All heavy atoms as atom14 arrays in JSON, in Angstrom:
{
  "sequence": "TLARRLHLRRPAGLTVDELNAIAGALDVAPGVLLHDDRDGA",
  "atom14_mask": [
    [1, 1, 1, 1, 1, 1, 1, 0, 0, 0, 0, 0, 0, 0],
    [1, 1, 1, 1, 1, 1, 1, 1, 0, 0, 0, 0, 0, 0],
    [1, 1, 1, 1, 1, 0, 0, 0, 0, 0, 0, 0, 0, 0],
    [1, 1, 1, 1, 1, 1, 1, 1, 1, 1, 1, 0, 0, 0],
    [1, 1, 1, 1, 1, 1, 1, 1, 1, 1, 1, 0, 0, 0],
    [1, 1, 1, 1, 1, 1, 1, 1, 0, 0, 0, 0, 0, 0],
    [1, 1, 1, 1, 1, 1, 1, 1, 1, 1, 0, 0, 0, 0],
    [1, 1, 1, 1, 1, 1, 1, 1, 0, 0, 0, 0, 0, 0],
    [1, 1, 1, 1, 1, 1, 1, 1, 1, 1, 1, 0, 0, 0],
    [1, 1, 1, 1, 1, 1, 1, 1, 1, 1, 1, 0, 0, 0],
    [1, 1, 1, 1, 1, 1, 1, 0, 0, 0, 0, 0, 0, 0],
    [1, 1, 1, 1, 1, 0, 0, 0, 0, 0, 0, 0, 0, 0],
    [1, 1, 1, 1, 0, 0, 0, 0, 0, 0, 0, 0, 0, 0],
    [1, 1, 1, 1, 1, 1, 1, 1, 0, 0, 0, 0, 0, 0],
    [1, 1, 1, 1, 1, 1, 1, 0, 0, 0, 0, 0, 0, 0],
    [1, 1, 1, 1, 1, 1, 1, 0, 0, 0, 0, 0, 0, 0],
    [1, 1, 1, 1, 1, 1, 1, 1, 0, 0, 0, 0, 0, 0],
    [1, 1, 1, 1, 1, 1, 1, 1, 1, 0, 0, 0, 0, 0],
    [1, 1, 1, 1, 1, 1, 1, 1, 0, 0, 0, 0, 0, 0],
    [1, 1, 1, 1, 1, 1, 1, 1, 0, 0, 0, 0, 0, 0],
    [1, 1, 1, 1, 1, 0, 0, 0, 0, 0, 0, 0, 0, 0],
    [1, 1, 1, 1, 1, 1, 1, 1, 0, 0, 0, 0, 0, 0],
    [1, 1, 1, 1, 1, 0, 0, 0, 0, 0, 0, 0, 0, 0],
    [1, 1, 1, 1, 0, 0, 0, 0, 0, 0, 0, 0, 0, 0],
    [1, 1, 1, 1, 1, 0, 0, 0, 0, 0, 0, 0, 0, 0],
    [1, 1, 1, 1, 1, 1, 1, 1, 0, 0, 0, 0, 0, 0],
    [1, 1, 1, 1, 1, 1, 1, 1, 0, 0, 0, 0, 0, 0],
    [1, 1, 1, 1, 1, 1, 1, 0, 0, 0, 0, 0, 0, 0],
    [1, 1, 1, 1, 1, 0, 0, 0, 0, 0, 0, 0, 0, 0],
    [1, 1, 1, 1, 1, 1, 1, 0, 0, 0, 0, 0, 0, 0],
    [1, 1, 1, 1, 0, 0, 0, 0, 0, 0, 0, 0, 0, 0],
    [1, 1, 1, 1, 1, 1, 1, 0, 0, 0, 0, 0, 0, 0],
    [1, 1, 1, 1, 1, 1, 1, 1, 0, 0, 0, 0, 0, 0],
    [1, 1, 1, 1, 1, 1, 1, 1, 0, 0, 0, 0, 0, 0],
    [1, 1, 1, 1, 1, 1, 1, 1, 1, 1, 0, 0, 0, 0],
    [1, 1, 1, 1, 1, 1, 1, 1, 0, 0, 0, 0, 0, 0],
    [1, 1, 1, 1, 1, 1, 1, 1, 0, 0, 0, 0, 0, 0],
    [1, 1, 1, 1, 1, 1, 1, 1, 1, 1, 1, 0, 0, 0],
    [1, 1, 1, 1, 1, 1, 1, 1, 0, 0, 0, 0, 0, 0],
    [1, 1, 1, 1, 0, 0, 0, 0, 0, 0, 0, 0, 0, 0],
    [1, 1, 1, 1, 1, 0, 0, 0, 0, 0, 0, 0, 0, 0]
  ],
  "atom14_positions": [
    [[-45.28, 52.85, -10.03], [-45.15, 54.16, -9.67], [-46.51, 54.95, -9.51], [-46.75, 55.66, -8.67], [-44.15, 54.92, -10.55], [-42.86, 54.29, -10.54], [-44.0, 56.48, -10.3], [0.0, 0.0, 0.0], [0.0, 0.0, 0.0], [0.0, 0.0, 0.0], [0.0, 0.0, 0.0], [0.0, 0.0, 0.0], [0.0, 0.0, 0.0], [0.0, 0.0, 0.0]],
    [[-47.22, 54.78, -10.63], [-48.51, 55.35, -10.58], [-49.39, 54.86, -9.47], [-50.23, 55.69, -8.89], [-49.27, 55.1, -12.02], [-50.35, 56.02, -12.42], [-50.06, 57.48, -12.25], [-50.79, 55.6, -13.84], [0.0, 0.0, 0.0], [0.0, 0.0, 0.0], [0.0, 0.0, 0.0], [0.0, 0.0, 0.0], [0.0, 0.0, 0.0], [0.0, 0.0, 0.0]],
    [[-49.4, 53.69, -9.21], [-50.14, 53.13, -8.14], [-49.76, 53.75, -6.75], [-50.57, 54.09, -5.94], [-49.96, 51.58, -8.03], [0.0, 0.0, 0.0], [0.0, 0.0, 0.0], [0.0, 0.0, 0.0], [0.0, 0.0, 0.0], [0.0, 0.0, 0.0], [0.0, 0.0, 0.0], [0.0, 0.0, 0.0], [0.0, 0.0, 0.0], [0.0, 0.0, 0.0]],
    [[-48.48, 53.99, -6.61], [-48.06, 54.68, -5.4], [-48.52, 56.03, -5.31], [-48.93, 56.59, -4.35], [-46.51, 54.62, -5.24], [-45.94, 53.2, -4.87], [-44.51, 53.29, -4.4], [-43.63, 53.96, -5.3], [-42.9, 53.32, -6.38], [-42.94, 52.02, -6.46], [-42.14, 54.1, -7.15], [0.0, 0.0, 0.0], [0.0, 0.0, 0.0], [0.0, 0.0, 0.0]],
    [[-48.49, 56.72, -6.44], [-48.89, 58.13, -6.49], [-50.41, 58.29, -6.34], [-50.81, 59.38, -5.83], [-48.58, 58.81, -7.95], [-47.19, 58.69, -8.41], [-46.28, 59.64, -7.58], [-44.92, 59.8, -8.09], [-43.8, 59.25, -7.74], [-43.81, 58.59, -6.58], [-42.65, 59.51, -8.27], [0.0, 0.0, 0.0], [0.0, 0.0, 0.0], [0.0, 0.0, 0.0]],
    [[-51.16, 57.32, -6.65], [-52.69, 57.37, -6.64], [-53.23, 56.65, -5.4], [-54.39, 56.46, -5.25], [-53.16, 56.94, -7.92], [-52.97, 57.68, -9.12], [-53.6, 57.12, -10.28], [-53.23, 59.21, -9.02], [0.0, 0.0, 0.0], [0.0, 0.0, 0.0], [0.0, 0.0, 0.0], [0.0, 0.0, 0.0], [0.0, 0.0, 0.0], [0.0, 0.0, 0.0]],
    [[-52.36, 56.19, -4.48], [-52.8, 55.57, -3.28], [-53.67, 56.47, -2.52], [-53.41, 57.75, -2.4], [-51.69, 55.19, -2.39], [-52.07, 54.3, -1.29], [-52.43, 54.79, -0.09], [-51.99, 52.93, -1.26], [-52.71, 53.69, 0.66], [-52.42, 52.56, 0.11], [0.0, 0.0, 0.0], [0.0, 0.0, 0.0], [0.0, 0.0, 0.0], [0.0, 0.0, 0.0]],
    [[-54.93, 56.08, -2.13], [-55.85, 57.01, -1.52], [-55.65, 57.42, -0.09], [-56.17, 58.36, 0.33], [-57.27, 56.48, -1.68], [-57.79, 56.32, -3.11], [-59.21, 55.75, -3.23], [-57.77, 57.75, -3.79], [0.0, 0.0, 0.0], [0.0, 0.0, 0.0], [0.0, 0.0, 0.0], [0.0, 0.0, 0.0], [0.0, 0.0, 0.0], [0.0, 0.0, 0.0]],
    [[-54.87, 56.65, 0.64], [-54.58, 57.09, 2.03], [-53.29, 57.71, 2.19], [-53.12, 58.63, 2.86], [-54.61, 55.83, 2.99], [-56.22, 55.52, 3.18], [-56.16, 54.58, 4.5], [-56.71, 53.33, 3.94], [-56.7, 52.24, 4.67], [-56.28, 52.29, 5.84], [-57.23, 51.14, 4.21], [0.0, 0.0, 0.0], [0.0, 0.0, 0.0], [0.0, 0.0, 0.0]],
    [[-52.22, 57.24, 1.65], [-50.81, 57.77, 1.74], [-50.15, 57.86, 0.33], [-49.16, 57.14, 0.17], [-50.03, 56.86, 2.76], [-50.68, 56.97, 4.07], [-49.87, 56.23, 5.18], [-48.72, 56.99, 5.39], [-47.68, 56.6, 6.13], [-47.78, 55.32, 6.56], [-46.61, 57.29, 6.4], [0.0, 0.0, 0.0], [0.0, 0.0, 0.0], [0.0, 0.0, 0.0]],
    [[-50.65, 58.61, -0.54], [-49.97, 58.64, -1.8], [-48.67, 59.41, -1.72], [-48.43, 60.26, -0.91], [-50.99, 59.51, -2.66], [-51.66, 60.37, -1.68], [-51.68, 59.59, -0.38], [0.0, 0.0, 0.0], [0.0, 0.0, 0.0], [0.0, 0.0, 0.0], [0.0, 0.0, 0.0], [0.0, 0.0, 0.0], [0.0, 0.0, 0.0], [0.0, 0.0, 0.0]],
    [[-47.69, 58.91, -2.56], [-46.52, 59.65, -2.85], [-46.81, 60.74, -3.74], [-47.55, 60.56, -4.66], [-45.46, 58.66, -3.43], [0.0, 0.0, 0.0], [0.0, 0.0, 0.0], [0.0, 0.0, 0.0], [0.0, 0.0, 0.0], [0.0, 0.0, 0.0], [0.0, 0.0, 0.0], [0.0, 0.0, 0.0], [0.0, 0.0, 0.0], [0.0, 0.0, 0.0]],
    [[-46.29, 61.85, -3.47], [-46.72, 63.11, -4.23], [-46.26, 63.0, -5.78], [-45.29, 62.26, -6.0], [0.0, 0.0, 0.0], [0.0, 0.0, 0.0], [0.0, 0.0, 0.0], [0.0, 0.0, 0.0], [0.0, 0.0, 0.0], [0.0, 0.0, 0.0], [0.0, 0.0, 0.0], [0.0, 0.0, 0.0], [0.0, 0.0, 0.0], [0.0, 0.0, 0.0]],
    [[-47.05, 63.53, -6.67], [-46.72, 63.6, -7.98], [-45.7, 64.63, -8.3], [-45.7, 65.63, -7.68], [-47.95, 63.96, -8.78], [-49.12, 62.98, -8.94], [-50.43, 63.59, -9.42], [-48.72, 61.85, -9.81], [0.0, 0.0, 0.0], [0.0, 0.0, 0.0], [0.0, 0.0, 0.0], [0.0, 0.0, 0.0], [0.0, 0.0, 0.0], [0.0, 0.0, 0.0]],
    [[-44.85, 64.4, -9.37], [-43.88, 65.54, -9.78], [-44.75, 66.29, -10.81], [-45.85, 65.95, -11.19], [-42.74, 64.82, -10.57], [-43.19, 64.29, -11.65], [-41.94, 63.96, -9.74], [0.0, 0.0, 0.0], [0.0, 0.0, 0.0], [0.0, 0.0, 0.0], [0.0, 0.0, 0.0], [0.0, 0.0, 0.0], [0.0, 0.0, 0.0], [0.0, 0.0, 0.0]],
    [[-44.32, 67.48, -11.05], [-44.92, 68.41, -12.05], [-44.99, 67.69, -13.43], [-46.07, 67.75, -14.06], [-44.22, 69.73, -12.19], [-44.74, 70.59, -13.2], [-44.22, 70.39, -10.87], [0.0, 0.0, 0.0], [0.0, 0.0, 0.0], [0.0, 0.0, 0.0], [0.0, 0.0, 0.0], [0.0, 0.0, 0.0], [0.0, 0.0, 0.0], [0.0, 0.0, 0.0]],
    [[-43.92, 67.02, -13.79], [-44.03, 66.28, -15.11], [-45.04, 65.17, -15.07], [-45.73, 65.03, -16.11], [-42.56, 65.73, -15.39], [-41.58, 66.72, -15.75], [-41.96, 67.82, -16.2], [-40.41, 66.45, -15.65], [0.0, 0.0, 0.0], [0.0, 0.0, 0.0], [0.0, 0.0, 0.0], [0.0, 0.0, 0.0], [0.0, 0.0, 0.0], [0.0, 0.0, 0.0]],
    [[-45.19, 64.54, -14.03], [-46.16, 63.32, -14.0], [-47.64, 64.0, -14.0], [-48.44, 63.55, -14.67], [-46.07, 62.63, -12.65], [-44.8, 61.75, -12.66], [-44.54, 61.09, -11.28], [-44.94, 61.64, -10.28], [-43.66, 60.12, -11.31], [0.0, 0.0, 0.0], [0.0, 0.0, 0.0], [0.0, 0.0, 0.0], [0.0, 0.0, 0.0], [0.0, 0.0, 0.0]],
    [[-47.86, 65.15, -13.18], [-49.13, 65.73, -13.28], [-49.47, 66.19, -14.61], [-50.61, 66.04, -15.09], [-49.11, 66.92, -12.24], [-50.48, 67.72, -12.12], [-51.51, 66.93, -11.57], [-50.26, 68.99, -11.35], [0.0, 0.0, 0.0], [0.0, 0.0, 0.0], [0.0, 0.0, 0.0], [0.0, 0.0, 0.0], [0.0, 0.0, 0.0], [0.0, 0.0, 0.0]],
    [[-48.58, 66.77, -15.33], [-48.76, 67.28, -16.64], [-49.07, 66.1, -17.55], [-50.0, 66.2, -18.51], [-47.59, 68.05, -17.26], [-47.65, 69.51, -16.61], [-48.54, 70.09, -16.37], [-46.42, 70.12, -16.41], [0.0, 0.0, 0.0], [0.0, 0.0, 0.0], [0.0, 0.0, 0.0], [0.0, 0.0, 0.0], [0.0, 0.0, 0.0], [0.0, 0.0, 0.0]],
    [[-48.34, 65.01, -17.47], [-48.51, 63.86, -18.35], [-49.93, 63.21, -18.12], [-50.64, 62.92, -19.01], [-47.44, 62.77, -18.1], [0.0, 0.0, 0.0], [0.0, 0.0, 0.0], [0.0, 0.0, 0.0], [0.0, 0.0, 0.0], [0.0, 0.0, 0.0], [0.0, 0.0, 0.0], [0.0, 0.0, 0.0], [0.0, 0.0, 0.0], [0.0, 0.0, 0.0]],
    [[-50.42, 63.24, -16.76], [-51.67, 62.63, -16.57], [-52.83, 63.58, -16.99], [-53.75, 63.1, -17.6], [-51.74, 62.56, -14.97], [-50.93, 61.42, -14.48], [-53.29, 62.24, -14.57], [-50.71, 61.14, -13.02], [0.0, 0.0, 0.0], [0.0, 0.0, 0.0], [0.0, 0.0, 0.0], [0.0, 0.0, 0.0], [0.0, 0.0, 0.0], [0.0, 0.0, 0.0]],
    [[-52.6, 64.94, -16.81], [-53.55, 65.83, -17.33], [-53.72, 65.73, -18.82], [-54.79, 65.84, -19.44], [-53.09, 67.34, -16.9], [0.0, 0.0, 0.0], [0.0, 0.0, 0.0], [0.0, 0.0, 0.0], [0.0, 0.0, 0.0], [0.0, 0.0, 0.0], [0.0, 0.0, 0.0], [0.0, 0.0, 0.0], [0.0, 0.0, 0.0], [0.0, 0.0, 0.0]],
    [[-52.58, 65.65, -19.55], [-52.57, 65.43, -20.87], [-53.39, 64.29, -21.36], [-54.08, 64.23, -22.36], [0.0, 0.0, 0.0], [0.0, 0.0, 0.0], [0.0, 0.0, 0.0], [0.0, 0.0, 0.0], [0.0, 0.0, 0.0], [0.0, 0.0, 0.0], [0.0, 0.0, 0.0], [0.0, 0.0, 0.0], [0.0, 0.0, 0.0], [0.0, 0.0, 0.0]],
    [[-52.98, 63.15, -20.68], [-53.67, 61.85, -21.06], [-55.23, 61.91, -20.79], [-55.95, 61.39, -21.72], [-53.1, 60.72, -20.22], [0.0, 0.0, 0.0], [0.0, 0.0, 0.0], [0.0, 0.0, 0.0], [0.0, 0.0, 0.0], [0.0, 0.0, 0.0], [0.0, 0.0, 0.0], [0.0, 0.0, 0.0], [0.0, 0.0, 0.0], [0.0, 0.0, 0.0]],
    [[-55.58, 62.65, -19.88], [-57.08, 62.76, -19.54], [-57.66, 64.01, -20.28], [-58.89, 64.16, -20.11], [-57.15, 62.99, -17.93], [-56.71, 61.85, -17.09], [-56.89, 62.05, -15.65], [-57.6, 60.59, -17.54], [0.0, 0.0, 0.0], [0.0, 0.0, 0.0], [0.0, 0.0, 0.0], [0.0, 0.0, 0.0], [0.0, 0.0, 0.0], [0.0, 0.0, 0.0]],
    [[-56.84, 64.79, -21.06], [-57.37, 65.86, -21.75], [-58.08, 66.89, -20.82], [-59.16, 67.24, -21.08], [-58.18, 65.36, -22.83], [-58.36, 66.46, -23.98], [-57.56, 67.45, -23.99], [-59.37, 66.48, -24.67], [0.0, 0.0, 0.0], [0.0, 0.0, 0.0], [0.0, 0.0, 0.0], [0.0, 0.0, 0.0], [0.0, 0.0, 0.0], [0.0, 0.0, 0.0]],
    [[-57.32, 67.21, -19.72], [-57.83, 68.27, -18.81], [-56.72, 69.13, -18.41], [-55.54, 68.69, -18.53], [-58.53, 67.68, -17.45], [-59.72, 66.77, -17.78], [-57.51, 66.96, -16.71], [0.0, 0.0, 0.0], [0.0, 0.0, 0.0], [0.0, 0.0, 0.0], [0.0, 0.0, 0.0], [0.0, 0.0, 0.0], [0.0, 0.0, 0.0], [0.0, 0.0, 0.0]],
    [[-57.0, 70.28, -18.05], [-55.92, 71.29, -17.66], [-55.41, 70.72, -16.23], [-56.21, 70.29, -15.43], [-56.48, 72.7, -17.51], [0.0, 0.0, 0.0], [0.0, 0.0, 0.0], [0.0, 0.0, 0.0], [0.0, 0.0, 0.0], [0.0, 0.0, 0.0], [0.0, 0.0, 0.0], [0.0, 0.0, 0.0], [0.0, 0.0, 0.0], [0.0, 0.0, 0.0]],
    [[-54.11, 70.91, -16.11], [-53.59, 70.49, -14.75], [-54.22, 71.03, -13.61], [-54.46, 70.39, -12.53], [-52.11, 70.83, -14.82], [-51.72, 70.85, -16.27], [-53.13, 71.31, -17.05], [0.0, 0.0, 0.0], [0.0, 0.0, 0.0], [0.0, 0.0, 0.0], [0.0, 0.0, 0.0], [0.0, 0.0, 0.0], [0.0, 0.0, 0.0], [0.0, 0.0, 0.0]],
    [[-54.66, 72.31, -13.72], [-55.47, 72.98, -12.62], [-56.66, 72.18, -12.2], [-57.12, 72.25, -11.03], [0.0, 0.0, 0.0], [0.0, 0.0, 0.0], [0.0, 0.0, 0.0], [0.0, 0.0, 0.0], [0.0, 0.0, 0.0], [0.0, 0.0, 0.0], [0.0, 0.0, 0.0], [0.0, 0.0, 0.0], [0.0, 0.0, 0.0], [0.0, 0.0, 0.0]],
    [[-57.32, 71.56, -13.12], [-58.53, 70.72, -12.78], [-58.27, 69.67, -11.74], [-59.08, 69.45, -10.87], [-59.14, 70.16, -14.01], [-60.23, 69.21, -13.72], [-59.67, 71.26, -14.9], [0.0, 0.0, 0.0], [0.0, 0.0, 0.0], [0.0, 0.0, 0.0], [0.0, 0.0, 0.0], [0.0, 0.0, 0.0], [0.0, 0.0, 0.0], [0.0, 0.0, 0.0]],
    [[-57.1, 69.17, -11.92], [-56.57, 68.1, -10.86], [-56.17, 68.68, -9.57], [-56.25, 67.99, -8.62], [-55.49, 67.23, -11.5], [-55.95, 66.51, -12.82], [-54.78, 65.73, -13.47], [-57.2, 65.69, -12.69], [0.0, 0.0, 0.0], [0.0, 0.0, 0.0], [0.0, 0.0, 0.0], [0.0, 0.0, 0.0], [0.0, 0.0, 0.0], [0.0, 0.0, 0.0]],
    [[-55.7, 69.83, -9.57], [-55.24, 70.56, -8.41], [-56.33, 71.15, -7.54], [-56.1, 71.31, -6.33], [-54.2, 71.53, -8.73], [-52.9, 71.08, -9.28], [-51.99, 72.2, -9.75], [-52.12, 70.26, -8.3], [0.0, 0.0, 0.0], [0.0, 0.0, 0.0], [0.0, 0.0, 0.0], [0.0, 0.0, 0.0], [0.0, 0.0, 0.0], [0.0, 0.0, 0.0]],
    [[-57.42, 71.66, -8.16], [-58.42, 72.38, -7.42], [-59.68, 71.58, -7.32], [-60.03, 70.75, -8.27], [-58.76, 73.75, -8.23], [-57.46, 74.61, -8.42], [-56.9, 75.24, -7.2], [-56.66, 74.92, -9.32], [-55.83, 75.85, -7.66], [-55.7, 75.69, -8.87], [0.0, 0.0, 0.0], [0.0, 0.0, 0.0], [0.0, 0.0, 0.0], [0.0, 0.0, 0.0]],
    [[-60.49, 71.79, -6.35], [-61.73, 71.09, -6.16], [-62.76, 71.72, -7.05], [-63.45, 72.54, -6.67], [-62.17, 71.26, -4.71], [-63.25, 70.28, -4.4], [-63.56, 69.34, -5.14], [-63.87, 70.51, -3.29], [0.0, 0.0, 0.0], [0.0, 0.0, 0.0], [0.0, 0.0, 0.0], [0.0, 0.0, 0.0], [0.0, 0.0, 0.0], [0.0, 0.0, 0.0]],
    [[-62.8, 71.1, -8.2], [-63.8, 71.53, -9.28], [-64.34, 70.33, -9.83], [-64.06, 69.78, -10.85], [-63.16, 72.32, -10.33], [-63.92, 72.93, -11.45], [-65.28, 72.66, -11.22], [-63.61, 73.19, -12.44], [0.0, 0.0, 0.0], [0.0, 0.0, 0.0], [0.0, 0.0, 0.0], [0.0, 0.0, 0.0], [0.0, 0.0, 0.0], [0.0, 0.0, 0.0]],
    [[-65.31, 69.68, -9.06], [-65.95, 68.41, -9.36], [-66.53, 68.41, -10.78], [-66.48, 67.46, -11.49], [-66.87, 68.0, -8.38], [-66.31, 67.6, -7.05], [-67.2, 67.24, -6.08], [-66.59, 67.25, -4.77], [-66.51, 66.18, -4.05], [-67.07, 64.96, -4.32], [-65.87, 66.2, -2.78], [0.0, 0.0, 0.0], [0.0, 0.0, 0.0], [0.0, 0.0, 0.0]],
    [[-67.21, 69.51, -11.12], [-67.8, 69.62, -12.46], [-66.82, 69.63, -13.51], [-66.94, 68.87, -14.58], [-68.74, 70.84, -12.45], [-69.95, 70.82, -11.67], [-70.37, 69.7, -11.34], [-70.4, 71.87, -11.21], [0.0, 0.0, 0.0], [0.0, 0.0, 0.0], [0.0, 0.0, 0.0], [0.0, 0.0, 0.0], [0.0, 0.0, 0.0], [0.0, 0.0, 0.0]],
    [[-65.7, 70.37, -13.39], [-64.68, 70.33, -14.37], [-63.96, 69.1, -14.51], [-63.55, 68.54, -15.57], [0.0, 0.0, 0.0], [0.0, 0.0, 0.0], [0.0, 0.0, 0.0], [0.0, 0.0, 0.0], [0.0, 0.0, 0.0], [0.0, 0.0, 0.0], [0.0, 0.0, 0.0], [0.0, 0.0, 0.0], [0.0, 0.0, 0.0], [0.0, 0.0, 0.0]],
    [[-63.69, 68.4, -13.4], [-62.96, 67.06, -13.35], [-63.84, 65.98, -14.0], [-63.33, 65.05, -14.65], [-62.62, 66.64, -11.93], [0.0, 0.0, 0.0], [0.0, 0.0, 0.0], [0.0, 0.0, 0.0], [0.0, 0.0, 0.0], [0.0, 0.0, 0.0], [0.0, 0.0, 0.0], [0.0, 0.0, 0.0], [0.0, 0.0, 0.0], [0.0, 0.0, 0.0]]
  ]
}
């Protein structure tokens, strides 16, 4: 499932729960993953 979500050409969209889980695992705010903030990411 994660591989499909992170495919670089045609990813299946993440659910809000998945985005929150990923952000939590990476110890970043979900907004960092949603917005183009290369320094923050």
